[in-house]
Amino acid sequence: MPMRIMILGAEGQVGSELTQQLTFLDKILAISRSTLDITNYQSVKKAIDIFKPDIVINAAAYTSVDNAESEVKEAFATNSKAVGNLATIAKEKNFWLIHYSTDYVFDGKKNTSYLETDKCFPINVYGQSKLSGEMAISNSGCNHLIFRTSWVISKNRENFVRKILQLGKEKKTLKVISDQEGVPTSSELIAKVTIDALREIKKGMPWPVGTYHLVPNGVSNWHQIAQTLISYATKNNFPLKASINDIKKITSDQYIAKAKRPLNSRLNNSKLSKHISFELPDWKDDFLGVAEKIIEELDCL
């Protein structure tokens, strides 16, 4: 029996990738922020009543980590209140809710990678708002999957890859933070895992309700990621002033930002690995898959 899938936030990094990859799956309704304000409960409920989804994928979010420090109301409206409303409707209408969260729900003080069962202590408003959304879903009792991920990159939007390549074209020396550990996660990998979960729901064999850490394998930091990118771009004849040796290490304290970031953003993905039908890639392979597409695009400009 065909599934009806509604995607919210269809123009974002994750939402746009999902929309592209899910076109072959049953009945899809992809809705952008400009079309539907997810903070408007009545509008969301009306859209759901009309479409009657079996699954709602919420890829909509307030994602400006620094701006959230001063736009607290806006961050919580999208990342918490709207998510809670979706969960309430999901429970009432009995559809599955798939939602994306963040490594920023943790304070980064743990010495090893974080498990789904570890206590959450967010150190910035963005993390607080995302944790509040997670709790609203869990407390609703609806059928749900929450995917926590880290450092999302995509070929479709502005992100770390584009920023470093642009700076590398303009400047001889780059300064990049080296004391924040984690891994970049591509929107393609996020979509691939989501599709795996959707297929199991369709077969009537859904994964256990709850939270999963969705990241590739390995560990890195922003400085190493920048070096990996510049090295790859250089080998592929992308025009740069900066070389791998021109990327200097700085600490988080030396980088001016409104919001604090956790120094440890490592998420343990062993729980997810037990359910997906494929092996999670190493972070470099996942990362360079995105970098390759962006470099090809920029070369054509």
C-alpha atoms as a PDB file:
ATOM      1  CA  MET A   1       0.000   0.000   0.000  1.00  0.00           C
ATOM      2  CA  PRO A   2       1.462   3.401  -0.983  1.00  0.00           C
ATOM      3  CA  MET A   3       2.687   5.710   1.772  1.00  0.00           C
ATOM      4  CA  ARG A   4       1.905   9.412   1.932  1.00  0.00           C
ATOM      5  CA  ILE A   5       4.963  11.369   3.090  1.00  0.00           C
ATOM      6  CA  MET A   6       4.995  15.064   3.983  1.00  0.00           C
ATOM      7  CA  ILE A   7       8.366  16.863   4.125  1.00  0.00           C
ATOM      8  CA  LEU A   8       8.534  20.137   6.066  1.00  0.00           C
ATOM      9  CA  GLY A   9      11.445  22.498   5.439  1.00  0.00           C
ATOM     10  CA  ALA A  10      11.899  21.298   1.879  1.00  0.00           C
ATOM     11  CA  GLU A  11      14.309  24.087   0.887  1.00  0.00           C
ATOM     12  CA  GLY A  12      16.909  23.520   3.628  1.00  0.00           C
ATOM     13  CA  GLN A  13      20.086  21.430   3.401  1.00  0.00           C
ATOM     14  CA  VAL A  14      18.402  18.241   4.578  1.00  0.00           C
ATOM     15  CA  GLY A  15      14.930  18.979   3.222  1.00  0.00           C
ATOM     16  CA  SER A  16      16.088  19.654  -0.322  1.00  0.00           C
ATOM     17  CA  GLU A  17      18.168  16.460  -0.379  1.00  0.00           C
ATOM     18  CA  LEU A  18      15.237  14.434   0.934  1.00  0.00           C
ATOM     19  CA  THR A  19      12.932  15.932  -1.658  1.00  0.00           C
ATOM     20  CA  GLN A  20      15.338  14.950  -4.455  1.00  0.00           C
ATOM     21  CA  GLN A  21      15.911  11.410  -3.197  1.00  0.00           C
ATOM     22  CA  LEU A  22      12.331  10.596  -2.205  1.00  0.00           C
ATOM     23  CA  THR A  23      10.748  11.341  -5.560  1.00  0.00           C
ATOM     24  CA  PHE A  24      10.560   7.602  -6.341  1.00  0.00           C
ATOM     25  CA  LEU A  25       8.783   6.778  -3.087  1.00  0.00           C
ATOM     26  CA  ASP A  26       4.989   6.764  -3.138  1.00  0.00           C
ATOM     27  CA  LYS A  27       3.152  10.073  -2.617  1.00  0.00           C
ATOM     28  CA  ILE A  28       5.368  12.988  -1.565  1.00  0.00           C
ATOM     29  CA  LEU A  29       4.342  16.490  -0.524  1.00  0.00           C
ATOM     30  CA  ALA A  30       7.367  18.742  -0.024  1.00  0.00           C
ATOM     31  CA  ILE A  31       6.572  22.018   1.711  1.00  0.00           C
ATOM     32  CA  SER A  32       8.969  24.958   2.079  1.00  0.00           C
ATOM     33  CA  ARG A  33       9.010  27.601   4.805  1.00  0.00           C
ATOM     34  CA  SER A  34       7.700  30.190   2.335  1.00  0.00           C
ATOM     35  CA  THR A  35       4.664  27.994   1.701  1.00  0.00           C
ATOM     36  CA  LEU A  36       3.891  26.937   5.274  1.00  0.00           C
ATOM     37  CA  ASP A  37       4.845  28.559   8.559  1.00  0.00           C
ATOM     38  CA  ILE A  38       5.336  25.583  10.870  1.00  0.00           C
ATOM     39  CA  THR A  39       4.950  27.824  13.913  1.00  0.00           C
ATOM     40  CA  ASN A  40       1.313  28.385  12.909  1.00  0.00           C
ATOM     41  CA  TYR A  41      -0.512  25.472  14.512  1.00  0.00           C
ATOM     42  CA  GLN A  42      -3.769  25.899  12.590  1.00  0.00           C
ATOM     43  CA  SER A  43      -2.010  26.112   9.222  1.00  0.00           C
ATOM     44  CA  VAL A  44       0.022  22.980   9.929  1.00  0.00           C
ATOM     45  CA  LYS A  45      -3.004  21.058  11.165  1.00  0.00           C
ATOM     46  CA  LYS A  46      -5.004  22.078   8.093  1.00  0.00           C
ATOM     47  CA  ALA A  47      -2.215  20.930   5.733  1.00  0.00           C
ATOM     48  CA  ILE A  48      -2.029  17.588   7.544  1.00  0.00           C
ATOM     49  CA  ASP A  49      -5.814  17.174   7.541  1.00  0.00           C
ATOM     50  CA  ILE A  50      -5.888  17.737   3.774  1.00  0.00           C
ATOM     51  CA  PHE A  51      -2.898  15.547   2.817  1.00  0.00           C
ATOM     52  CA  LYS A  52      -3.460  12.821   5.447  1.00  0.00           C
ATOM     53  CA  PRO A  53       0.200  11.709   5.680  1.00  0.00           C
ATOM     54  CA  ASP A  54       1.402   8.363   6.969  1.00  0.00           C
ATOM     55  CA  ILE A  55       4.723  10.002   7.816  1.00  0.00           C
ATOM     56  CA  VAL A  56       5.758  13.601   8.436  1.00  0.00           C
ATOM     57  CA  ILE A  57       9.468  14.383   8.084  1.00  0.00           C
ATOM     58  CA  ASN A  58      10.335  17.589   9.893  1.00  0.00           C
ATOM     59  CA  ALA A  59      13.452  19.063   8.295  1.00  0.00           C
ATOM     60  CA  ALA A  60      12.386  22.603   9.218  1.00  0.00           C
ATOM     61  CA  ALA A  61      14.445  24.312  11.915  1.00  0.00           C
ATOM     62  CA  TYR A  62      15.863  27.569  13.190  1.00  0.00           C
ATOM     63  CA  THR A  63      19.573  26.906  12.571  1.00  0.00           C
ATOM     64  CA  SER A  64      21.433  30.177  13.195  1.00  0.00           C
ATOM     65  CA  VAL A  65      23.401  29.191  16.296  1.00  0.00           C
ATOM     66  CA  ASP A  66      24.801  32.649  17.000  1.00  0.00           C
ATOM     67  CA  ASN A  67      21.652  34.629  16.234  1.00  0.00           C
ATOM     68  CA  ALA A  68      19.663  32.373  18.539  1.00  0.00           C
ATOM     69  CA  GLU A  69      21.435  33.960  21.513  1.00  0.00           C
ATOM     70  CA  SER A  70      19.470  37.155  20.890  1.00  0.00           C
ATOM     71  CA  GLU A  71      16.495  35.642  19.042  1.00  0.00           C
ATOM     72  CA  VAL A  72      15.482  33.251  21.800  1.00  0.00           C
ATOM     73  CA  LYS A  73      11.752  33.497  21.123  1.00  0.00           C
ATOM     74  CA  GLU A  74      12.165  32.786  17.421  1.00  0.00           C
ATOM     75  CA  ALA A  75      14.462  29.800  18.041  1.00  0.00           C
ATOM     76  CA  PHE A  76      12.097  28.184  20.533  1.00  0.00           C
ATOM     77  CA  ALA A  77       9.042  28.923  18.384  1.00  0.00           C
ATOM     78  CA  THR A  78      10.438  26.837  15.509  1.00  0.00           C
ATOM     79  CA  ASN A  79      12.620  24.281  17.301  1.00  0.00           C
ATOM     80  CA  SER A  80      10.385  23.588  20.284  1.00  0.00           C
ATOM     81  CA  LYS A  81       6.799  24.843  20.175  1.00  0.00           C
ATOM     82  CA  ALA A  82       6.196  23.971  16.515  1.00  0.00           C
ATOM     83  CA  VAL A  83       7.798  20.556  17.019  1.00  0.00           C
ATOM     84  CA  GLY A  84       5.599  19.925  20.037  1.00  0.00           C
ATOM     85  CA  ASN A  85       2.524  20.805  17.995  1.00  0.00           C
ATOM     86  CA  LEU A  86       3.603  18.345  15.278  1.00  0.00           C
ATOM     87  CA  ALA A  87       4.078  15.623  17.881  1.00  0.00           C
ATOM     88  CA  THR A  88       0.637  16.277  19.352  1.00  0.00           C
ATOM     89  CA  ILE A  89      -0.963  16.026  15.917  1.00  0.00           C
ATOM     90  CA  ALA A  90       1.081  12.894  15.146  1.00  0.00           C
ATOM     91  CA  LYS A  91      -0.229  11.222  18.282  1.00  0.00           C
ATOM     92  CA  GLU A  92      -3.812  12.267  17.495  1.00  0.00           C
ATOM     93  CA  LYS A  93      -3.683  11.258  13.823  1.00  0.00           C
ATOM     94  CA  ASN A  94      -1.447   8.211  14.374  1.00  0.00           C
ATOM     95  CA  PHE A  95       1.261   9.000  11.801  1.00  0.00           C
ATOM     96  CA  TRP A  96       5.021   8.631  12.190  1.00  0.00           C
ATOM     97  CA  LEU A  97       7.101  11.749  12.909  1.00  0.00           C
ATOM     98  CA  ILE A  98      10.734  11.831  11.784  1.00  0.00           C
ATOM     99  CA  HIS A  99      12.709  14.726  13.226  1.00  0.00           C
ATOM    100  CA  TYR A 100      16.336  15.946  13.100  1.00  0.00           C
ATOM    101  CA  SER A 101      18.288  17.227  16.073  1.00  0.00           C
ATOM    102  CA  THR A 102      21.853  18.134  16.931  1.00  0.00           C
ATOM    103  CA  ASP A 103      25.050  17.354  18.814  1.00  0.00           C
ATOM    104  CA  TYR A 104      24.580  20.737  20.494  1.00  0.00           C
ATOM    105  CA  VAL A 105      22.198  19.181  23.021  1.00  0.00           C
ATOM    106  CA  PHE A 106      25.398  18.110  24.849  1.00  0.00           C
ATOM    107  CA  ASP A 107      27.870  20.301  26.739  1.00  0.00           C
ATOM    108  CA  GLY A 108      30.946  18.685  25.175  1.00  0.00           C
ATOM    109  CA  LYS A 109      32.610  17.837  28.493  1.00  0.00           C
ATOM    110  CA  LYS A 110      32.547  14.064  28.093  1.00  0.00           C
ATOM    111  CA  ASN A 111      35.888  12.437  27.209  1.00  0.00           C
ATOM    112  CA  THR A 112      34.402   9.851  24.857  1.00  0.00           C
ATOM    113  CA  SER A 113      31.682   9.894  22.194  1.00  0.00           C
ATOM    114  CA  TYR A 114      28.124  10.562  23.330  1.00  0.00           C
ATOM    115  CA  LEU A 115      25.505   7.822  23.525  1.00  0.00           C
ATOM    116  CA  GLU A 116      21.803   8.445  22.982  1.00  0.00           C
ATOM    117  CA  THR A 117      21.250   7.709  26.672  1.00  0.00           C
ATOM    118  CA  ASP A 118      23.712  10.328  27.965  1.00  0.00           C
ATOM    119  CA  LYS A 119      22.331  13.307  29.861  1.00  0.00           C
ATOM    120  CA  CYS A 120      21.885  16.461  27.802  1.00  0.00           C
ATOM    121  CA  PHE A 121      23.255  19.807  28.998  1.00  0.00           C
ATOM    122  CA  PRO A 122      23.169  22.302  26.105  1.00  0.00           C
ATOM    123  CA  ILE A 123      25.429  25.355  26.507  1.00  0.00           C
ATOM    124  CA  ASN A 124      23.751  27.643  23.970  1.00  0.00           C
ATOM    125  CA  VAL A 125      20.206  28.739  23.145  1.00  0.00           C
ATOM    126  CA  TYR A 126      20.123  26.796  19.887  1.00  0.00           C
ATOM    127  CA  GLY A 127      20.959  23.560  21.717  1.00  0.00           C
ATOM    128  CA  GLN A 128      18.405  24.347  24.403  1.00  0.00           C
ATOM    129  CA  SER A 129      15.680  24.917  21.832  1.00  0.00           C
ATOM    130  CA  LYS A 130      16.495  21.682  19.995  1.00  0.00           C
ATOM    131  CA  LEU A 131      16.517  19.681  23.228  1.00  0.00           C
ATOM    132  CA  SER A 132      13.154  21.186  24.153  1.00  0.00           C
ATOM    133  CA  GLY A 133      11.795  19.965  20.806  1.00  0.00           C
ATOM    134  CA  GLU A 134      13.182  16.474  21.398  1.00  0.00           C
ATOM    135  CA  MET A 135      11.523  16.329  24.804  1.00  0.00           C
ATOM    136  CA  ALA A 136       8.192  17.489  23.375  1.00  0.00           C
ATOM    137  CA  ILE A 137       8.256  14.622  20.881  1.00  0.00           C
ATOM    138  CA  SER A 138       9.251  12.017  23.465  1.00  0.00           C
ATOM    139  CA  ASN A 139       6.615  13.215  25.936  1.00  0.00           C
ATOM    140  CA  SER A 140       3.841  13.188  23.328  1.00  0.00           C
ATOM    141  CA  GLY A 141       3.827   9.413  22.999  1.00  0.00           C
ATOM    142  CA  CYS A 142       3.695   9.576  19.195  1.00  0.00           C
ATOM    143  CA  ASN A 143       5.501   7.140  16.918  1.00  0.00           C
ATOM    144  CA  HIS A 144       8.768   8.897  16.172  1.00  0.00           C
ATOM    145  CA  LEU A 145      12.400   8.704  15.132  1.00  0.00           C
ATOM    146  CA  ILE A 146      14.751  11.503  16.200  1.00  0.00           C
ATOM    147  CA  PHE A 147      18.052  11.645  14.313  1.00  0.00           C
ATOM    148  CA  ARG A 148      20.776  13.646  16.043  1.00  0.00           C
ATOM    149  CA  THR A 149      23.487  14.673  13.639  1.00  0.00           C
ATOM    150  CA  SER A 150      26.501  17.007  13.573  1.00  0.00           C
ATOM    151  CA  TRP A 151      28.076  19.654  11.358  1.00  0.00           C
ATOM    152  CA  VAL A 152      25.713  19.190   8.404  1.00  0.00           C
ATOM    153  CA  ILE A 153      27.043  19.979   4.942  1.00  0.00           C
ATOM    154  CA  SER A 154      25.329  19.905   1.578  1.00  0.00           C
ATOM    155  CA  LYS A 155      25.925  20.790  -2.031  1.00  0.00           C
ATOM    156  CA  ASN A 156      22.725  22.848  -1.959  1.00  0.00           C
ATOM    157  CA  ARG A 157      23.376  25.588   0.602  1.00  0.00           C
ATOM    158  CA  GLU A 158      26.025  27.840   2.122  1.00  0.00           C
ATOM    159  CA  ASN A 159      28.206  25.869   4.537  1.00  0.00           C
ATOM    160  CA  PHE A 160      31.759  25.249   5.771  1.00  0.00           C
ATOM    161  CA  VAL A 161      32.963  23.819   2.439  1.00  0.00           C
ATOM    162  CA  ARG A 162      31.907  26.841   0.417  1.00  0.00           C
ATOM    163  CA  LYS A 163      33.238  29.244   3.039  1.00  0.00           C
ATOM    164  CA  ILE A 164      36.708  27.656   3.199  1.00  0.00           C
ATOM    165  CA  LEU A 165      37.002  27.408  -0.583  1.00  0.00           C
ATOM    166  CA  GLN A 166      36.035  31.074  -0.953  1.00  0.00           C
ATOM    167  CA  LEU A 167      38.487  32.192   1.746  1.00  0.00           C
ATOM    168  CA  GLY A 168      41.170  29.976   0.215  1.00  0.00           C
ATOM    169  CA  LYS A 169      40.744  31.788  -3.106  1.00  0.00           C
ATOM    170  CA  GLU A 170      41.007  35.213  -1.458  1.00  0.00           C
ATOM    171  CA  LYS A 171      43.558  34.758   1.329  1.00  0.00           C
ATOM    172  CA  LYS A 172      47.016  33.245   1.714  1.00  0.00           C
ATOM    173  CA  THR A 173      46.520  32.328   5.388  1.00  0.00           C
ATOM    174  CA  LEU A 174      43.455  30.801   7.008  1.00  0.00           C
ATOM    175  CA  LYS A 175      42.782  30.429  10.732  1.00  0.00           C
ATOM    176  CA  VAL A 176      40.573  27.477  11.689  1.00  0.00           C
ATOM    177  CA  ILE A 177      39.466  26.140  15.078  1.00  0.00           C
ATOM    178  CA  SER A 178      41.249  22.950  16.110  1.00  0.00           C
ATOM    179  CA  ASP A 179      39.838  22.154  19.568  1.00  0.00           C
ATOM    180  CA  GLN A 180      36.252  21.213  18.620  1.00  0.00           C
ATOM    181  CA  GLU A 181      36.032  17.498  17.843  1.00  0.00           C
ATOM    182  CA  GLY A 182      33.337  15.812  15.770  1.00  0.00           C
ATOM    183  CA  VAL A 183      32.599  14.944  12.172  1.00  0.00           C
ATOM    184  CA  PRO A 184      30.835  16.632   9.266  1.00  0.00           C
ATOM    185  CA  THR A 185      27.712  14.812   8.098  1.00  0.00           C
ATOM    186  CA  SER A 186      26.388  15.123   4.553  1.00  0.00           C
ATOM    187  CA  SER A 187      22.735  15.716   3.816  1.00  0.00           C
ATOM    188  CA  GLU A 188      23.053  12.792   1.370  1.00  0.00           C
ATOM    189  CA  LEU A 189      23.931  10.411   4.217  1.00  0.00           C
ATOM    190  CA  ILE A 190      21.090  11.798   6.329  1.00  0.00           C
ATOM    191  CA  ALA A 191      18.657  11.221   3.470  1.00  0.00           C
ATOM    192  CA  LYS A 192      20.004   7.700   2.840  1.00  0.00           C
ATOM    193  CA  VAL A 193      19.473   6.701   6.478  1.00  0.00           C
ATOM    194  CA  THR A 194      16.015   8.288   6.485  1.00  0.00           C
ATOM    195  CA  ILE A 195      15.001   6.311   3.396  1.00  0.00           C
ATOM    196  CA  ASP A 196      16.218   3.116   5.086  1.00  0.00           C
ATOM    197  CA  ALA A 197      13.955   3.880   8.043  1.00  0.00           C
ATOM    198  CA  LEU A 198      11.003   4.716   5.772  1.00  0.00           C
ATOM    199  CA  ARG A 199      11.272   1.395   3.954  1.00  0.00           C
ATOM    200  CA  GLU A 200      11.081  -0.485   7.252  1.00  0.00           C
ATOM    201  CA  ILE A 201       8.019   1.510   8.297  1.00  0.00           C
ATOM    202  CA  LYS A 202       6.391   0.695   4.973  1.00  0.00           C
ATOM    203  CA  LYS A 203       7.111  -3.020   5.479  1.00  0.00           C
ATOM    204  CA  GLY A 204       5.447  -2.858   8.881  1.00  0.00           C
ATOM    205  CA  MET A 205       8.779  -3.470  10.615  1.00  0.00           C
ATOM    206  CA  PRO A 206       9.665   0.003  11.957  1.00  0.00           C
ATOM    207  CA  TRP A 207      12.759   0.670  14.006  1.00  0.00           C
ATOM    208  CA  PRO A 208      12.130   1.074  17.736  1.00  0.00           C
ATOM    209  CA  VAL A 209      10.730   4.486  18.615  1.00  0.00           C
ATOM    210  CA  GLY A 210      13.407   6.823  19.949  1.00  0.00           C
ATOM    211  CA  THR A 211      16.618   8.741  19.277  1.00  0.00           C
ATOM    212  CA  TYR A 212      19.506   7.709  16.997  1.00  0.00           C
ATOM    213  CA  HIS A 213      22.895   9.324  16.403  1.00  0.00           C
ATOM    214  CA  LEU A 214      23.320   9.797  12.665  1.00  0.00           C
ATOM    215  CA  VAL A 215      26.941  10.571  11.785  1.00  0.00           C
ATOM    216  CA  PRO A 216      29.646   8.900   9.665  1.00  0.00           C
ATOM    217  CA  ASN A 217      32.489   6.972  11.268  1.00  0.00           C
ATOM    218  CA  GLY A 218      35.674   8.517  12.633  1.00  0.00           C
ATOM    219  CA  VAL A 219      36.629  11.700  14.439  1.00  0.00           C
ATOM    220  CA  SER A 220      38.042  15.006  13.251  1.00  0.00           C
ATOM    221  CA  ASN A 221      38.121  18.729  13.994  1.00  0.00           C
ATOM    222  CA  TRP A 222      37.477  21.852  11.936  1.00  0.00           C
ATOM    223  CA  HIS A 223      41.203  22.432  11.273  1.00  0.00           C
ATOM    224  CA  GLN A 224      41.713  18.894   9.971  1.00  0.00           C
ATOM    225  CA  ILE A 225      38.559  19.149   7.880  1.00  0.00           C
ATOM    226  CA  ALA A 226      39.815  22.390   6.312  1.00  0.00           C
ATOM    227  CA  GLN A 227      43.189  20.768   5.551  1.00  0.00           C
ATOM    228  CA  THR A 228      41.445  17.781   3.962  1.00  0.00           C
ATOM    229  CA  LEU A 229      39.360  20.109   1.798  1.00  0.00           C
ATOM    230  CA  ILE A 230      42.235  22.343   0.675  1.00  0.00           C
ATOM    231  CA  SER A 231      44.399  19.307  -0.123  1.00  0.00           C
ATOM    232  CA  TYR A 232      41.620  17.750  -2.193  1.00  0.00           C
ATOM    233  CA  ALA A 233      40.827  21.021  -3.981  1.00  0.00           C
ATOM    234  CA  THR A 234      44.504  21.584  -4.812  1.00  0.00           C
ATOM    235  CA  LYS A 235      44.817  18.091  -6.295  1.00  0.00           C
ATOM    236  CA  ASN A 236      41.788  18.856  -8.439  1.00  0.00           C
ATOM    237  CA  ASN A 237      43.295  22.116  -9.740  1.00  0.00           C
ATOM    238  CA  PHE A 238      40.880  24.408  -7.941  1.00  0.00           C
ATOM    239  CA  PRO A 239      42.430  27.930  -7.909  1.00  0.00           C
ATOM    240  CA  LEU A 240      43.600  28.726  -4.375  1.00  0.00           C
ATOM    241  CA  LYS A 241      46.007  31.156  -2.761  1.00  0.00           C
ATOM    242  CA  ALA A 242      46.159  29.092   0.424  1.00  0.00           C
ATOM    243  CA  SER A 243      47.898  25.736   0.681  1.00  0.00           C
ATOM    244  CA  ILE A 244      47.495  23.050   3.329  1.00  0.00           C
ATOM    245  CA  ASN A 245      50.423  24.540   5.287  1.00  0.00           C
ATOM    246  CA  ASP A 246      48.769  27.957   5.332  1.00  0.00           C
ATOM    247  CA  ILE A 247      45.886  26.777   7.528  1.00  0.00           C
ATOM    248  CA  LYS A 248      46.739  27.817  11.064  1.00  0.00           C
ATOM    249  CA  LYS A 249      45.252  26.367  14.237  1.00  0.00           C
ATOM    250  CA  ILE A 250      43.304  28.546  16.660  1.00  0.00           C
ATOM    251  CA  THR A 251      41.293  27.688  19.754  1.00  0.00           C
ATOM    252  CA  SER A 252      37.590  28.291  20.308  1.00  0.00           C
ATOM    253  CA  ASP A 253      38.496  31.074  22.743  1.00  0.00           C
ATOM    254  CA  GLN A 254      40.356  32.884  19.962  1.00  0.00           C
ATOM    255  CA  TYR A 255      37.345  32.775  17.645  1.00  0.00           C
ATOM    256  CA  ILE A 256      34.761  35.472  18.288  1.00  0.00           C
ATOM    257  CA  ALA A 257      31.249  34.015  18.366  1.00  0.00           C
ATOM    258  CA  LYS A 258      28.074  34.890  20.235  1.00  0.00           C
ATOM    259  CA  ALA A 259      27.285  31.285  21.151  1.00  0.00           C
ATOM    260  CA  LYS A 260      29.536  28.751  22.839  1.00  0.00           C
ATOM    261  CA  ARG A 261      30.084  25.462  21.037  1.00  0.00           C
ATOM    262  CA  PRO A 262      30.752  22.103  22.725  1.00  0.00           C
ATOM    263  CA  LEU A 263      34.393  21.061  22.414  1.00  0.00           C
ATOM    264  CA  ASN A 264      33.349  17.419  22.091  1.00  0.00           C
ATOM    265  CA  SER A 265      30.659  16.832  19.456  1.00  0.00           C
ATOM    266  CA  ARG A 266      31.455  13.166  18.924  1.00  0.00           C
ATOM    267  CA  LEU A 267      28.287  11.083  18.613  1.00  0.00           C
ATOM    268  CA  ASN A 268      28.411   7.303  18.991  1.00  0.00           C
ATOM    269  CA  ASN A 269      26.597   5.781  15.981  1.00  0.00           C
ATOM    270  CA  SER A 270      26.649   2.121  17.063  1.00  0.00           C
ATOM    271  CA  LYS A 271      22.897   2.060  17.779  1.00  0.00           C
ATOM    272  CA  LEU A 272      22.081   3.302  14.283  1.00  0.00           C
ATOM    273  CA  SER A 273      24.540   0.854  12.722  1.00  0.00           C
ATOM    274  CA  LYS A 274      22.511  -2.066  14.072  1.00  0.00           C
ATOM    275  CA  HIS A 275      19.409  -1.002  12.126  1.00  0.00           C
ATOM    276  CA  ILE A 276      20.533   0.365   8.757  1.00  0.00           C
ATOM    277  CA  SER A 277      21.005  -1.916   5.744  1.00  0.00           C
ATOM    278  CA  PHE A 278      24.420  -0.505   4.764  1.00  0.00           C
ATOM    279  CA  GLU A 279      27.728   0.327   6.433  1.00  0.00           C
ATOM    280  CA  LEU A 280      28.215   3.909   7.545  1.00  0.00           C
ATOM    281  CA  PRO A 281      31.069   5.585   5.627  1.00  0.00           C
ATOM    282  CA  ASP A 282      34.220   7.151   7.034  1.00  0.00           C
ATOM    283  CA  TRP A 283      33.768  10.895   7.491  1.00  0.00           C
ATOM    284  CA  LYS A 284      36.386  11.730   4.837  1.00  0.00           C
ATOM    285  CA  ASP A 285      34.595   9.733   2.154  1.00  0.00           C
ATOM    286  CA  ASP A 286      31.246  11.277   3.084  1.00  0.00           C
ATOM    287  CA  PHE A 287      32.725  14.775   3.258  1.00  0.00           C
ATOM    288  CA  LEU A 288      34.697  14.636   0.017  1.00  0.00           C
ATOM    289  CA  GLY A 289      31.637  13.369  -1.834  1.00  0.00           C
ATOM    290  CA  VAL A 290      30.021  16.719  -1.101  1.00  0.00           C
ATOM    291  CA  ALA A 291      33.220  18.707  -1.653  1.00  0.00           C
ATOM    292  CA  GLU A 292      33.616  17.175  -5.125  1.00  0.00           C
ATOM    293  CA  LYS A 293      30.152  18.365  -6.197  1.00  0.00           C
ATOM    294  CA  ILE A 294      30.702  21.874  -4.825  1.00  0.00           C
ATOM    295  CA  ILE A 295      34.102  22.205  -6.504  1.00  0.00           C
ATOM    296  CA  GLU A 296      32.617  21.064  -9.825  1.00  0.00           C
ATOM    297  CA  GLU A 297      29.870  23.663  -9.468  1.00  0.00           C
ATOM    298  CA  LEU A 298      32.282  26.490  -8.581  1.00  0.00           C
ATOM    299  CA  ASP A 299      34.584  25.558 -11.470  1.00  0.00           C
ATOM    300  CA  CYS A 300      31.657  26.115 -13.821  1.00  0.00           C
ATOM    301  CA  LEU A 301      30.942  29.647 -12.571  1.00  0.00           C
END
